[in-house]
Amino acid sequence: MCVLKSQTKEVDSNVVDCWSCKCAKPFHLNADGTTNAIYWTGPACQKKDISMPFWLLAGISIMLISFVSYGIGLLISVGDTELPSVLGAGVSSARPK
């Protein structure tokens, strides 16, 4: 679909219009009566635009991997700390008879 991109005024008061092509978003009617938009991209609007689902999936995956690795790092760091000596005071060795 053609859209007006810009208008410029020249020296002799003429207006020059600059038109550009823009991909329209046709709506697809589902069997249950709902509609969803299909976005197209490319020089001739020939490619289906999947950039938004890609970045959503990639972002959630990176965040999930970050949280899991941070949690594993915390568990490893907790295992490295020494226990205080107070815990060992209640445990005694076998008594001699």
PDB file of N, CA and C in Angstrom:
ATOM      1  N   MET A   1       0.849  -1.157   0.000  1.00  0.00           N
ATOM      2  CA  MET A   1       0.000   0.000   0.000  1.00  0.00           C
ATOM      3  C   MET A   1       0.900   1.225   0.000  1.00  0.00           C
ATOM      4  N   CYS A   2       0.537   2.249  -0.687  1.00  0.00           N
ATOM      5  CA  CYS A   2       1.334   3.472  -0.784  1.00  0.00           C
ATOM      6  C   CYS A   2       0.934   4.446   0.319  1.00  0.00           C
ATOM      7  N   VAL A   3       1.940   5.043   0.950  1.00  0.00           N
ATOM      8  CA  VAL A   3       1.704   6.034   1.997  1.00  0.00           C
ATOM      9  C   VAL A   3       2.569   7.254   1.720  1.00  0.00           C
ATOM     10  N   LEU A   4       2.126   8.416   2.182  1.00  0.00           N
ATOM     11  CA  LEU A   4       2.875   9.655   2.027  1.00  0.00           C
ATOM     12  C   LEU A   4       3.995   9.680   3.054  1.00  0.00           C
ATOM     13  N   LYS A   5       5.234   9.670   2.585  1.00  0.00           N
ATOM     14  CA  LYS A   5       6.382   9.628   3.484  1.00  0.00           C
ATOM     15  C   LYS A   5       6.757  11.030   3.954  1.00  0.00           C
ATOM     16  N   SER A   6       6.819  11.997   3.032  1.00  0.00           N
ATOM     17  CA  SER A   6       7.168  13.366   3.424  1.00  0.00           C
ATOM     18  C   SER A   6       6.717  14.338   2.342  1.00  0.00           C
ATOM     19  N   GLN A   7       6.637  15.601   2.743  1.00  0.00           N
ATOM     20  CA  GLN A   7       6.334  16.686   1.822  1.00  0.00           C
ATOM     21  C   GLN A   7       7.392  17.754   2.011  1.00  0.00           C
ATOM     22  N   THR A   8       7.921  18.258   0.922  1.00  0.00           N
ATOM     23  CA  THR A   8       8.910  19.337   1.009  1.00  0.00           C
ATOM     24  C   THR A   8       8.459  20.486   0.113  1.00  0.00           C
ATOM     25  N   LYS A   9       8.734  21.687   0.573  1.00  0.00           N
ATOM     26  CA  LYS A   9       8.418  22.876  -0.228  1.00  0.00           C
ATOM     27  C   LYS A   9       9.704  23.346  -0.891  1.00  0.00           C
ATOM     28  N   GLU A  10       9.603  23.559  -2.166  1.00  0.00           N
ATOM     29  CA  GLU A  10      10.750  24.041  -2.912  1.00  0.00           C
ATOM     30  C   GLU A  10      10.760  25.562  -2.925  1.00  0.00           C
ATOM     31  N   VAL A  11      11.779  26.118  -3.559  1.00  0.00           N
ATOM     32  CA  VAL A  11      11.973  27.573  -3.587  1.00  0.00           C
ATOM     33  C   VAL A  11      10.821  28.283  -4.280  1.00  0.00           C
ATOM     34  N   ASP A  12      10.300  27.727  -5.335  1.00  0.00           N
ATOM     35  CA  ASP A  12       9.239  28.399  -6.100  1.00  0.00           C
ATOM     36  C   ASP A  12       7.837  28.011  -5.619  1.00  0.00           C
ATOM     37  N   SER A  13       7.701  27.661  -4.347  1.00  0.00           N
ATOM     38  CA  SER A  13       6.426  27.357  -3.684  1.00  0.00           C
ATOM     39  C   SER A  13       5.760  26.083  -4.188  1.00  0.00           C
ATOM     40  N   ASN A  14       6.484  25.248  -4.843  1.00  0.00           N
ATOM     41  CA  ASN A  14       5.934  23.953  -5.239  1.00  0.00           C
ATOM     42  C   ASN A  14       6.104  22.964  -4.093  1.00  0.00           C
ATOM     43  N   VAL A  15       5.147  22.108  -3.922  1.00  0.00           N
ATOM     44  CA  VAL A  15       5.211  21.070  -2.900  1.00  0.00           C
ATOM     45  C   VAL A  15       5.543  19.755  -3.591  1.00  0.00           C
ATOM     46  N   VAL A  16       6.604  19.118  -3.104  1.00  0.00           N
ATOM     47  CA  VAL A  16       7.023  17.844  -3.663  1.00  0.00           C
ATOM     48  C   VAL A  16       6.666  16.754  -2.667  1.00  0.00           C
ATOM     49  N   ASP A  17       5.849  15.809  -3.109  1.00  0.00           N
ATOM     50  CA  ASP A  17       5.446  14.701  -2.255  1.00  0.00           C
ATOM     51  C   ASP A  17       6.387  13.529  -2.468  1.00  0.00           C
ATOM     52  N   CYS A  18       6.730  12.873  -1.386  1.00  0.00           N
ATOM     53  CA  CYS A  18       7.537  11.661  -1.456  1.00  0.00           C
ATOM     54  C   CYS A  18       6.676  10.510  -0.943  1.00  0.00           C
ATOM     55  N   TRP A  19       6.394   9.558  -1.832  1.00  0.00           N
ATOM     56  CA  TRP A  19       5.559   8.422  -1.485  1.00  0.00           C
ATOM     57  C   TRP A  19       6.440   7.201  -1.272  1.00  0.00           C
ATOM     58  N   SER A  20       5.970   6.311  -0.409  1.00  0.00           N
ATOM     59  CA  SER A  20       6.718   5.099  -0.100  1.00  0.00           C
ATOM     60  C   SER A  20       5.743   3.932   0.031  1.00  0.00           C
ATOM     61  N   CYS A  21       6.286   2.745  -0.115  1.00  0.00           N
ATOM     62  CA  CYS A  21       5.456   1.549   0.060  1.00  0.00           C
ATOM     63  C   CYS A  21       5.497   1.094   1.508  1.00  0.00           C
ATOM     64  N   LYS A  22       4.371   0.626   1.996  1.00  0.00           N
ATOM     65  CA  LYS A  22       4.268   0.117   3.362  1.00  0.00           C
ATOM     66  C   LYS A  22       3.476  -1.180   3.324  1.00  0.00           C
ATOM     67  N   CYS A  23       3.966  -2.155   4.070  1.00  0.00           N
ATOM     68  CA  CYS A  23       3.274  -3.445   4.109  1.00  0.00           C
ATOM     69  C   CYS A  23       2.008  -3.319   4.956  1.00  0.00           C
ATOM     70  N   ALA A  24       0.889  -3.706   4.393  1.00  0.00           N
ATOM     71  CA  ALA A  24      -0.373  -3.681   5.135  1.00  0.00           C
ATOM     72  C   ALA A  24      -0.449  -4.924   6.013  1.00  0.00           C
ATOM     73  N   LYS A  25      -1.216  -4.839   7.074  1.00  0.00           N
ATOM     74  CA  LYS A  25      -1.398  -6.012   7.924  1.00  0.00           C
ATOM     75  C   LYS A  25      -2.807  -6.571   7.722  1.00  0.00           C
ATOM     76  N   PRO A  26      -2.914  -7.579   6.886  1.00  0.00           N
ATOM     77  CA  PRO A  26      -4.227  -8.193   6.683  1.00  0.00           C
ATOM     78  C   PRO A  26      -4.616  -9.025   7.900  1.00  0.00           C
ATOM     79  N   PHE A  27      -5.894  -9.054   8.166  1.00  0.00           N
ATOM     80  CA  PHE A  27      -6.390  -9.826   9.296  1.00  0.00           C
ATOM     81  C   PHE A  27      -6.866 -11.181   8.813  1.00  0.00           C
ATOM     82  N   HIS A  28      -6.568 -12.197   9.608  1.00  0.00           N
ATOM     83  CA  HIS A  28      -6.956 -13.564   9.283  1.00  0.00           C
ATOM     84  C   HIS A  28      -8.116 -13.947  10.189  1.00  0.00           C
ATOM     85  N   LEU A  29      -9.205 -14.426   9.611  1.00  0.00           N
ATOM     86  CA  LEU A  29     -10.377 -14.831  10.378  1.00  0.00           C
ATOM     87  C   LEU A  29     -10.254 -16.305  10.731  1.00  0.00           C
ATOM     88  N   ASN A  30     -10.234 -16.593  12.029  1.00  0.00           N
ATOM     89  CA  ASN A  30     -10.134 -17.975  12.507  1.00  0.00           C
ATOM     90  C   ASN A  30     -11.499 -18.664  12.445  1.00  0.00           C
ATOM     91  N   ALA A  31     -11.505 -19.976  12.642  1.00  0.00           N
ATOM     92  CA  ALA A  31     -12.747 -20.749  12.586  1.00  0.00           C
ATOM     93  C   ALA A  31     -13.700 -20.379  13.715  1.00  0.00           C
ATOM     94  N   ASP A  32     -13.153 -19.943  14.874  1.00  0.00           N
ATOM     95  CA  ASP A  32     -14.022 -19.606  16.000  1.00  0.00           C
ATOM     96  C   ASP A  32     -14.517 -18.160  15.954  1.00  0.00           C
ATOM     97  N   GLY A  33     -14.206 -17.419  14.886  1.00  0.00           N
ATOM     98  CA  GLY A  33     -14.709 -16.066  14.721  1.00  0.00           C
ATOM     99  C   GLY A  33     -13.752 -14.985  15.179  1.00  0.00           C
ATOM    100  N   THR A  34     -12.631 -15.331  15.782  1.00  0.00           N
ATOM    101  CA  THR A  34     -11.660 -14.329  16.217  1.00  0.00           C
ATOM    102  C   THR A  34     -10.734 -13.981  15.054  1.00  0.00           C
ATOM    103  N   THR A  35     -10.135 -12.808  15.143  1.00  0.00           N
ATOM    104  CA  THR A  35      -9.213 -12.378  14.094  1.00  0.00           C
ATOM    105  C   THR A  35      -7.830 -12.156  14.688  1.00  0.00           C
ATOM    106  N   ASN A  36      -6.811 -12.376  13.892  1.00  0.00           N
ATOM    107  CA  ASN A  36      -5.459 -12.035  14.293  1.00  0.00           C
ATOM    108  C   ASN A  36      -4.751 -11.430  13.096  1.00  0.00           C
ATOM    109  N   ALA A  37      -3.829 -10.500  13.370  1.00  0.00           N
ATOM    110  CA  ALA A  37      -3.113  -9.798  12.305  1.00  0.00           C
ATOM    111  C   ALA A  37      -1.891 -10.597  11.893  1.00  0.00           C
ATOM    112  N   ILE A  38      -1.612 -10.597  10.616  1.00  0.00           N
ATOM    113  CA  ILE A  38      -0.413 -11.218  10.078  1.00  0.00           C
ATOM    114  C   ILE A  38       0.469 -10.081   9.567  1.00  0.00           C
ATOM    115  N   TYR A  39       1.689  -9.987  10.084  1.00  0.00           N
ATOM    116  CA  TYR A  39       2.594  -8.913   9.688  1.00  0.00           C
ATOM    117  C   TYR A  39       3.548  -9.409   8.608  1.00  0.00           C
ATOM    118  N   TRP A  40       3.779  -8.568   7.604  1.00  0.00           N
ATOM    119  CA  TRP A  40       4.647  -8.904   6.489  1.00  0.00           C
ATOM    120  C   TRP A  40       5.787  -7.909   6.420  1.00  0.00           C
ATOM    121  N   THR A  41       6.921  -8.334   5.853  1.00  0.00           N
ATOM    122  CA  THR A  41       8.092  -7.473   5.716  1.00  0.00           C
ATOM    123  C   THR A  41       8.803  -7.803   4.412  1.00  0.00           C
ATOM    124  N   GLY A  42       9.844  -7.068   4.099  1.00  0.00           N
ATOM    125  CA  GLY A  42      10.619  -7.287   2.878  1.00  0.00           C
ATOM    126  C   GLY A  42      10.352  -6.203   1.864  1.00  0.00           C
ATOM    127  N   PRO A  43      11.161  -6.146   0.803  1.00  0.00           N
ATOM    128  CA  PRO A  43      10.978  -5.107  -0.216  1.00  0.00           C
ATOM    129  C   PRO A  43       9.623  -5.189  -0.916  1.00  0.00           C
ATOM    130  N   ALA A  44       9.099  -6.370  -1.083  1.00  0.00           N
ATOM    131  CA  ALA A  44       7.807  -6.534  -1.755  1.00  0.00           C
ATOM    132  C   ALA A  44       6.762  -7.129  -0.814  1.00  0.00           C
ATOM    133  N   CYS A  45       6.994  -7.031   0.493  1.00  0.00           N
ATOM    134  CA  CYS A  45       6.080  -7.575   1.508  1.00  0.00           C
ATOM    135  C   CYS A  45       5.848  -9.069   1.275  1.00  0.00           C
ATOM    136  N   GLN A  46       6.907  -9.791   0.966  1.00  0.00           N
ATOM    137  CA  GLN A  46       6.781 -11.199   0.635  1.00  0.00           C
ATOM    138  C   GLN A  46       7.156 -12.120   1.788  1.00  0.00           C
ATOM    139  N   LYS A  47       7.726 -11.582   2.875  1.00  0.00           N
ATOM    140  CA  LYS A  47       8.178 -12.422   3.992  1.00  0.00           C
ATOM    141  C   LYS A  47       7.296 -12.187   5.207  1.00  0.00           C
ATOM    142  N   LYS A  48       6.973 -13.258   5.898  1.00  0.00           N
ATOM    143  CA  LYS A  48       6.203 -13.151   7.134  1.00  0.00           C
ATOM    144  C   LYS A  48       7.134 -12.640   8.236  1.00  0.00           C
ATOM    145  N   ASP A  49       6.711 -11.626   8.963  1.00  0.00           N
ATOM    146  CA  ASP A  49       7.541 -11.007   9.990  1.00  0.00           C
ATOM    147  C   ASP A  49       7.422 -11.811  11.291  1.00  0.00           C
ATOM    148  N   ILE A  50       8.506 -12.470  11.672  1.00  0.00           N
ATOM    149  CA  ILE A  50       8.515 -13.266  12.905  1.00  0.00           C
ATOM    150  C   ILE A  50       9.516 -12.702  13.908  1.00  0.00           C
ATOM    151  N   SER A  51       9.884 -11.441  13.775  1.00  0.00           N
ATOM    152  CA  SER A  51      10.897 -10.868  14.654  1.00  0.00           C
ATOM    153  C   SER A  51      10.395 -10.761  16.102  1.00  0.00           C
ATOM    154  N   MET A  52       9.148 -10.406  16.312  1.00  0.00           N
ATOM    155  CA  MET A  52       8.628 -10.266  17.673  1.00  0.00           C
ATOM    156  C   MET A  52       8.581 -11.600  18.411  1.00  0.00           C
ATOM    157  N   PRO A  53       8.028 -12.675  17.829  1.00  0.00           N
ATOM    158  CA  PRO A  53       8.071 -13.954  18.543  1.00  0.00           C
ATOM    159  C   PRO A  53       9.502 -14.440  18.794  1.00  0.00           C
ATOM    160  N   PHE A  54      10.426 -14.162  17.860  1.00  0.00           N
ATOM    161  CA  PHE A  54      11.816 -14.572  18.053  1.00  0.00           C
ATOM    162  C   PHE A  54      12.420 -13.870  19.258  1.00  0.00           C
ATOM    163  N   TRP A  55      12.289 -12.543  19.334  1.00  0.00           N
ATOM    164  CA  TRP A  55      12.898 -11.808  20.452  1.00  0.00           C
ATOM    165  C   TRP A  55      12.225 -12.157  21.777  1.00  0.00           C
ATOM    166  N   LEU A  56      10.944 -12.454  21.759  1.00  0.00           N
ATOM    167  CA  LEU A  56      10.256 -12.870  22.983  1.00  0.00           C
ATOM    168  C   LEU A  56      10.794 -14.215  23.461  1.00  0.00           C
ATOM    169  N   LEU A  57      10.918 -15.176  22.562  1.00  0.00           N
ATOM    170  CA  LEU A  57      11.451 -16.489  22.917  1.00  0.00           C
ATOM    171  C   LEU A  57      12.918 -16.401  23.330  1.00  0.00           C
ATOM    172  N   ALA A  58      13.713 -15.636  22.604  1.00  0.00           N
ATOM    173  CA  ALA A  58      15.139 -15.503  22.925  1.00  0.00           C
ATOM    174  C   ALA A  58      15.330 -14.809  24.270  1.00  0.00           C
ATOM    175  N   GLY A  59      14.569 -13.755  24.535  1.00  0.00           N
ATOM    176  CA  GLY A  59      14.698 -13.029  25.801  1.00  0.00           C
ATOM    177  C   GLY A  59      14.318 -13.881  27.002  1.00  0.00           C
ATOM    178  N   ILE A  60      13.214 -14.612  26.893  1.00  0.00           N
ATOM    179  CA  ILE A  60      12.788 -15.475  27.992  1.00  0.00           C
ATOM    180  C   ILE A  60      13.789 -16.595  28.212  1.00  0.00           C
ATOM    181  N   SER A  61      14.339 -17.142  27.130  1.00  0.00           N
ATOM    182  CA  SER A  61      15.332 -18.217  27.258  1.00  0.00           C
ATOM    183  C   SER A  61      16.599 -17.719  27.940  1.00  0.00           C
ATOM    184  N   ILE A  62      17.074 -16.550  27.554  1.00  0.00           N
ATOM    185  CA  ILE A  62      18.283 -15.986  28.174  1.00  0.00           C
ATOM    186  C   ILE A  62      18.046 -15.687  29.649  1.00  0.00           C
ATOM    187  N   MET A  63      16.882 -15.134  29.984  1.00  0.00           N
ATOM    188  CA  MET A  63      16.582 -14.853  31.397  1.00  0.00           C
ATOM    189  C   MET A  63      16.493 -16.139  32.203  1.00  0.00           C
ATOM    190  N   LEU A  64      15.865 -17.179  31.665  1.00  0.00           N
ATOM    191  CA  LEU A  64      15.734 -18.449  32.363  1.00  0.00           C
ATOM    192  C   LEU A  64      17.099 -19.090  32.591  1.00  0.00           C
ATOM    193  N   ILE A  65      17.954 -19.077  31.576  1.00  0.00           N
ATOM    194  CA  ILE A  65      19.305 -19.628  31.730  1.00  0.00           C
ATOM    195  C   ILE A  65      20.093 -18.826  32.766  1.00  0.00           C
ATOM    196  N   SER A  66      19.928 -17.507  32.778  1.00  0.00           N
ATOM    197  CA  SER A  66      20.627 -16.667  33.756  1.00  0.00           C
ATOM    198  C   SER A  66      20.171 -16.983  35.177  1.00  0.00           C
ATOM    199  N   PHE A  67      18.869 -17.106  35.383  1.00  0.00           N
ATOM    200  CA  PHE A  67      18.361 -17.395  36.721  1.00  0.00           C
ATOM    201  C   PHE A  67      18.803 -18.764  37.215  1.00  0.00           C
ATOM    202  N   VAL A  68      18.786 -19.761  36.346  1.00  0.00           N
ATOM    203  CA  VAL A  68      19.201 -21.110  36.737  1.00  0.00           C
ATOM    204  C   VAL A  68      20.686 -21.130  37.074  1.00  0.00           C
ATOM    205  N   SER A  69      21.515 -20.478  36.260  1.00  0.00           N
ATOM    206  CA  SER A  69      22.954 -20.466  36.545  1.00  0.00           C
ATOM    207  C   SER A  69      23.256 -19.670  37.814  1.00  0.00           C
ATOM    208  N   TYR A  70      22.515 -18.593  38.063  1.00  0.00           N
ATOM    209  CA  TYR A  70      22.692 -17.836  39.308  1.00  0.00           C
ATOM    210  C   TYR A  70      22.311 -18.695  40.513  1.00  0.00           C
ATOM    211  N   GLY A  71      21.221 -19.447  40.407  1.00  0.00           N
ATOM    212  CA  GLY A  71      20.803 -20.333  41.500  1.00  0.00           C
ATOM    213  C   GLY A  71      21.812 -21.434  41.754  1.00  0.00           C
ATOM    214  N   ILE A  72      22.362 -22.025  40.708  1.00  0.00           N
ATOM    215  CA  ILE A  72      23.384 -23.061  40.875  1.00  0.00           C
ATOM    216  C   ILE A  72      24.629 -22.463  41.511  1.00  0.00           C
ATOM    217  N   GLY A  73      25.001 -21.259  41.107  1.00  0.00           N
ATOM    218  CA  GLY A  73      26.149 -20.579  41.719  1.00  0.00           C
ATOM    219  C   GLY A  73      25.937 -20.323  43.202  1.00  0.00           C
ATOM    220  N   LEU A  74      24.730 -19.941  43.590  1.00  0.00           N
ATOM    221  CA  LEU A  74      24.433 -19.736  45.012  1.00  0.00           C
ATOM    222  C   LEU A  74      24.524 -21.037  45.788  1.00  0.00           C
ATOM    223  N   LEU A  75      24.003 -22.125  45.221  1.00  0.00           N
ATOM    224  CA  LEU A  75      24.084 -23.418  45.898  1.00  0.00           C
ATOM    225  C   LEU A  75      25.526 -23.876  46.071  1.00  0.00           C
ATOM    226  N   ILE A  76      26.357 -23.642  45.074  1.00  0.00           N
ATOM    227  CA  ILE A  76      27.768 -24.026  45.175  1.00  0.00           C
ATOM    228  C   ILE A  76      28.479 -23.183  46.227  1.00  0.00           C
ATOM    229  N   SER A  77      28.172 -21.885  46.289  1.00  0.00           N
ATOM    230  CA  SER A  77      28.841 -21.026  47.264  1.00  0.00           C
ATOM    231  C   SER A  77      28.410 -21.355  48.694  1.00  0.00           C
ATOM    232  N   VAL A  78      27.188 -21.822  48.888  1.00  0.00           N
ATOM    233  CA  VAL A  78      26.733 -22.209  50.222  1.00  0.00           C
ATOM    234  C   VAL A  78      27.469 -23.468  50.672  1.00  0.00           C
ATOM    235  N   GLY A  79      27.756 -24.369  49.756  1.00  0.00           N
ATOM    236  CA  GLY A  79      28.455 -25.600  50.106  1.00  0.00           C
ATOM    237  C   GLY A  79      29.905 -25.369  50.491  1.00  0.00           C
ATOM    238  N   ASP A  80      30.512 -24.260  50.135  1.00  0.00           N
ATOM    239  CA  ASP A  80      31.913 -23.984  50.426  1.00  0.00           C
ATOM    240  C   ASP A  80      32.140 -23.381  51.809  1.00  0.00           C
ATOM    241  N   THR A  81      31.117 -22.887  52.457  1.00  0.00           N
ATOM    242  CA  THR A  81      31.311 -22.231  53.754  1.00  0.00           C
ATOM    243  C   THR A  81      31.475 -23.277  54.852  1.00  0.00           C
ATOM    244  N   GLU A  82      32.317 -22.939  55.827  1.00  0.00           N
ATOM    245  CA  GLU A  82      32.534 -23.853  56.953  1.00  0.00           C
ATOM    246  C   GLU A  82      31.420 -23.701  57.974  1.00  0.00           C
ATOM    247  N   LEU A  83      31.117 -24.792  58.634  1.00  0.00           N
ATOM    248  CA  LEU A  83      30.104 -24.745  59.673  1.00  0.00           C
ATOM    249  C   LEU A  83      30.722 -24.187  60.945  1.00  0.00           C
ATOM    250  N   PRO A  84      29.950 -23.471  61.748  1.00  0.00           N
ATOM    251  CA  PRO A  84      30.497 -22.951  63.001  1.00  0.00           C
ATOM    252  C   PRO A  84      30.778 -24.084  63.990  1.00  0.00           C
ATOM    253  N   SER A  85      31.691 -23.822  64.914  1.00  0.00           N
ATOM    254  CA  SER A  85      32.097 -24.868  65.857  1.00  0.00           C
ATOM    255  C   SER A  85      31.018 -25.181  66.882  1.00  0.00           C
ATOM    256  N   VAL A  86      30.027 -24.347  67.028  1.00  0.00           N
ATOM    257  CA  VAL A  86      28.954 -24.573  67.995  1.00  0.00           C
ATOM    258  C   VAL A  86      28.167 -25.829  67.615  1.00  0.00           C
ATOM    259  N   LEU A  87      28.023 -26.097  66.332  1.00  0.00           N
ATOM    260  CA  LEU A  87      27.286 -27.287  65.910  1.00  0.00           C
ATOM    261  C   LEU A  87      28.013 -28.565  66.320  1.00  0.00           C
ATOM    262  N   GLY A  88      29.324 -28.530  66.350  1.00  0.00           N
ATOM    263  CA  GLY A  88      30.096 -29.705  66.730  1.00  0.00           C
ATOM    264  C   GLY A  88      30.152 -29.924  68.231  1.00  0.00           C
ATOM    265  N   ALA A  89      29.733 -28.974  69.053  1.00  0.00           N
ATOM    266  CA  ALA A  89      29.830 -29.092  70.509  1.00  0.00           C
ATOM    267  C   ALA A  89      28.846 -30.115  71.058  1.00  0.00           C
ATOM    268  N   GLY A  90      27.702 -30.262  70.434  1.00  0.00           N
ATOM    269  CA  GLY A  90      26.706 -31.200  70.930  1.00  0.00           C
ATOM    270  C   GLY A  90      26.999 -32.634  70.556  1.00  0.00           C
ATOM    271  N   VAL A  91      27.897 -32.853  69.660  1.00  0.00           N
ATOM    272  CA  VAL A  91      28.241 -34.215  69.209  1.00  0.00           C
ATOM    273  C   VAL A  91      29.491 -34.626  69.955  1.00  0.00           C
ATOM    274  N   SER A  92      29.395 -35.716  70.660  1.00  0.00           N
ATOM    275  CA  SER A  92      30.568 -36.203  71.384  1.00  0.00           C
ATOM    276  C   SER A  92      30.978 -37.558  70.853  1.00  0.00           C
ATOM    277  N   SER A  93      32.207 -37.868  71.075  1.00  0.00           N
ATOM    278  CA  SER A  93      32.703 -39.172  70.635  1.00  0.00           C
ATOM    279  C   SER A  93      32.240 -40.246  71.616  1.00  0.00           C
ATOM    280  N   ALA A  94      32.484 -41.492  71.288  1.00  0.00           N
ATOM    281  CA  ALA A  94      32.062 -42.605  72.131  1.00  0.00           C
ATOM    282  C   ALA A  94      32.744 -42.514  73.501  1.00  0.00           C
ATOM    283  N   ARG A  95      32.008 -42.729  74.579  1.00  0.00           N
ATOM    284  CA  ARG A  95      32.567 -42.633  75.938  1.00  0.00           C
ATOM    285  C   ARG A  95      33.366 -43.882  76.274  1.00  0.00           C
ATOM    286  N   PRO A  96      34.494 -43.715  76.893  1.00  0.00           N
ATOM    287  CA  PRO A  96      35.242 -44.902  77.336  1.00  0.00           C
ATOM    288  C   PRO A  96      34.567 -45.543  78.543  1.00  0.00           C
ATOM    289  N   LYS A  97      34.547 -46.872  78.653  1.00  0.00           N
ATOM    290  CA  LYS A  97      33.897 -47.555  79.765  1.00  0.00           C
ATOM    291  C   LYS A  97      34.875 -48.062  80.750  1.00  0.00           C
TER     292      LYS A  97
END
